[in-house]
Protein backbone atom coordinates (compact mmCIF):
# COMPACT_ATOMS: atom_id res chain seq x y z
CA MET A 1 -23.38 -6.45 -7.24
CA ASN A 2 -22.38 -5.64 -10.82
CA TYR A 3 -24.91 -4.08 -13.18
CA THR A 4 -25.26 -2.08 -16.39
CA ILE A 5 -27.69 0.66 -17.36
CA VAL A 6 -29.91 -0.69 -20.13
CA GLY A 7 -32.59 2.00 -20.33
CA CYS A 8 -33.72 5.35 -18.99
CA SER A 9 -35.96 8.30 -19.64
CA GLU A 10 -34.49 11.51 -21.05
CA HIS A 11 -31.96 13.23 -18.79
CA SER A 12 -31.30 16.88 -17.97
CA GLY A 13 -28.12 18.60 -19.09
CA ASN A 14 -24.94 17.01 -17.78
CA TYR A 15 -26.79 14.76 -15.31
CA VAL A 16 -26.56 11.52 -17.31
CA PRO A 17 -27.64 8.08 -16.00
CA GLU A 18 -24.04 6.81 -15.98
CA ASP A 19 -23.40 9.17 -13.04
CA ILE A 20 -24.90 6.56 -10.69
CA LEU A 21 -22.06 4.15 -11.51
CA VAL A 22 -19.70 6.26 -9.36
CA ASP A 23 -20.35 6.63 -5.63
CA ALA A 24 -19.49 10.30 -5.10
CA PRO A 25 -22.20 11.80 -2.87
CA GLN A 26 -20.15 14.96 -2.18
CA ASP A 27 -19.74 15.73 -5.91
CA PRO A 28 -22.66 17.92 -7.07
CA SER A 29 -22.18 16.67 -10.64
CA SER A 30 -22.61 13.04 -9.51
CA ARG A 31 -26.36 13.02 -10.08
CA TRP A 32 -28.88 11.63 -12.49
CA THR A 33 -32.17 13.33 -13.30
CA LYS A 34 -35.51 12.47 -14.83
CA ARG A 35 -38.25 9.89 -14.66
CA TRP A 36 -36.79 6.36 -14.46
CA ILE A 37 -33.72 4.19 -14.97
CA LEU A 38 -33.48 0.46 -15.81
CA LEU A 39 -30.55 -1.64 -14.57
CA LYS A 40 -29.55 -5.15 -15.64
CA LEU A 41 -27.77 -7.31 -13.07
CA GLU A 42 -24.69 -9.18 -14.30
CA THR A 43 -25.94 -12.35 -12.61
CA LEU A 44 -29.36 -13.47 -11.46
CA SER A 45 -30.14 -12.70 -7.88
CA VAL A 46 -32.87 -13.91 -5.55
CA HIS A 47 -32.60 -11.18 -2.93
CA ASN A 48 -31.12 -7.74 -3.36
CA ILE A 49 -30.26 -4.92 -1.00
CA TRP A 50 -30.28 -1.51 -2.64
CA LYS A 51 -28.28 1.42 -1.27
CA GLU A 52 -28.93 5.07 -2.08
CA HIS A 53 -27.19 8.22 -1.05
CA PRO A 54 -29.30 11.29 -0.29
CA CYS A 55 -30.09 13.47 -3.26
CA ASN A 56 -33.05 15.42 -4.60
CA MET A 57 -35.12 12.24 -5.00
CA ARG A 58 -37.27 11.63 -1.97
CA GLU A 59 -40.02 9.10 -2.67
CA PHE A 60 -39.42 6.30 -5.19
CA ARG A 61 -40.51 2.88 -6.37
CA VAL A 62 -38.40 -0.08 -7.42
CA TYR A 63 -39.63 -2.70 -9.88
CA VAL A 64 -37.87 -6.04 -10.48
CA GLY A 65 -38.12 -9.00 -12.82
CA LEU A 66 -36.46 -11.36 -15.28
CA ASN A 67 -37.83 -9.40 -18.24
CA PRO A 68 -37.79 -5.59 -18.52
CA HIS A 69 -41.33 -5.71 -19.99
CA HIS A 70 -42.83 -7.76 -17.14
CA MET A 71 -41.81 -6.42 -13.74
CA MET A 72 -43.40 -6.29 -10.30
CA GLN A 73 -43.12 -3.61 -7.64
CA ALA A 74 -40.58 -4.68 -5.01
CA LEU A 75 -40.31 -1.47 -3.00
CA HIS A 76 -42.06 1.85 -2.37
CA ALA A 77 -39.98 3.98 -0.01
CA GLN A 78 -38.62 7.40 0.88
CA LEU A 79 -35.10 8.68 1.44
CA LYS A 80 -34.25 10.70 4.52
CA ASP A 81 -32.74 14.12 3.95
CA ASP A 82 -29.34 13.47 5.55
CA THR A 83 -25.89 12.17 4.67
CA ILE A 84 -26.31 8.68 6.14
CA TYR A 85 -26.51 5.76 3.68
CA GLU A 86 -29.83 3.96 3.67
CA THR A 87 -30.38 0.27 2.96
CA PHE A 88 -33.62 -1.10 1.55
CA SER A 89 -34.69 -4.74 1.31
CA LEU A 90 -36.45 -5.58 -1.92
CA LYS A 91 -39.45 -7.91 -1.96
CA HIS A 92 -38.20 -11.24 -3.28
CA VAL A 93 -41.08 -13.68 -2.85
CA ASN A 94 -44.35 -13.97 -4.74
CA SER A 95 -47.83 -14.23 -3.21
CA GLU A 96 -47.30 -17.98 -2.64
CA GLY A 97 -44.09 -17.30 -0.68
CA ILE A 98 -41.79 -18.62 -3.43
CA CYS A 99 -38.51 -16.78 -4.03
CA PHE A 100 -38.11 -15.43 -7.54
CA PRO A 101 -34.93 -14.46 -9.40
CA ILE A 102 -34.22 -10.88 -10.44
CA ARG A 103 -32.32 -9.73 -13.53
CA TYR A 104 -33.69 -6.20 -14.06
CA ILE A 105 -34.24 -3.38 -11.58
CA LYS A 106 -36.20 -0.27 -12.52
CA ILE A 107 -36.01 2.78 -10.25
CA VAL A 108 -38.85 5.28 -10.62
CA PRO A 109 -38.64 8.58 -8.69
CA ILE A 110 -42.04 9.73 -7.43
CA SER A 111 -41.00 13.02 -5.82
């Protein structure tokens, strides 16, 4: 799944949002810090699987939508503190059971 970073909160030091574009869990500099990050998918998607590698973020929320100003919560989860990749299914149907397309994904660390 191809995506670009289209928004984020302020970052700390050298830990810029672009660090998530490279999968290097063993590299201590391969981190991003702060409050939230907004991704734009290259193509519309109806159902996404999101992978994370363990880091300092534990609990987080994921919001999705076609418009970055109108998004719904698709996931509220926690990462385990180990080196095993985790896979999360994002909610992809509305209250009537109809699938909806996703263009933007916003990740918000809680703790």
